[in-house]
Amino acid sequence: MFKFHNRISIITNISVYGKRTLIFLSIFIFRFNEINSQEINYSDPYTEKIIFNPSYSGISNCSEINLSFNKSFIYDLYSLSYNRYFDKYKSGMGFFISELNQAKAAIVNFKTAVIFNYRIQLNYKNLINTALQISYSNQHINTSELIFSNQINPIYGTINPNTNEISFKSYQSIDFSFGISYFTNHIRTGLSVQHIDKFIIPEKNNFNKPNIKINFGKIFSVKKNNLKQVTTEIIYENQNNFQQLYVGVHLINNNFLTRFFIKQDIKYHTVSGIISVGTNIRKIRLSYTYSLNLNRYLSLPINSHQLSIKYNFNCSDKRKNKNTINCLNI
């Protein structure tokens, strides 16, 4: 009986390692520079709003620092961002750094960007925020983290050291992105085009593919049971023939923020439910996001947990009369 259970355990381990090996071996089947055909974003797109759309840089009357972490079965995503608005120059700036570790850090994507934005005040109820982003990306593979089939002992299920010398070229890229957003007291909409230069000068060997995001939100002011604001929103994203659609609602009261999203991959018909809750403690906002797989027949563990901390400082009083609008507190 003991031997029987022991064999089952070994077979299970081999099965797990086999799945991981299959993922890693796909690196040899497809060219490495095409692996990152779709950028992985945060479960809650507004966790890092300037990564979502660079034109969200400088829309607050405070300087903002945001630190975020997203944990899932196949990847870990870290980021640090900063943005502020200079009222004197009607412009702002921001920057962020992020690192995406896939397959237990076997594949690493590092990115850093600087954002410059300019505000166009149409009148005291309507404004347009524009932004230009310059990014540097680096993608490489840590061969020491790879596991191949010839390393797995079929009898004991142990992993032997990799004796083969394998090396992969590190891919680097500098590119440009553009964002524009339009705000009123009741509407919020925007367009973001990531890697816009790849439209003009397409590169076959570049792993950064153009990414288009469009969002539209309707803002409702509510004064009932401490509820301050309700916003319904639709977000559409397209990158390298991958299309995603978000449908969500934001609920804001004096100290708490709650967001609900239904996310669908149009091409593969996968659906996820996303809930984000946050609380304000003086100048700090703490938020937690959970993404749940809603596909009945999809067994892949794509659920994720996400933590974010935002710190506001150097907050100015409400800008000069008729110089700003009531934007969504994101």
Foldseek 3Di string as FASTA:
>chain_A
DVVVVQLVVLVVLLVVLVVQQVVVCVCVVDPVLQPLQDDDADPPNVLPVCVSFVLVAAQALWKKWKWKWKDFDFKIKTKIKIKHADPVQQKIKMKMWMWMAGRNNQKIKIKIKIKIKHKDDPWLFKIKIKMKMKMKMKIAGDPQSHAHPVQADSPNRDGHGDPDDDGDDMDMDIAMKIKMWMGGQFKIKIKIWPRVVCVVVPDPSHSDWIKIKIKIKTKDADDDPQWGIKIWMWMWMDTNNWIKIKTKMWTDGDFKIKMWIWMATPVVGWIKIKIKIWTDDDQKIKMKMWIGTPDPPDPDRGIMIMIMMMGTDPRDDPPDPSPHHDDDPD
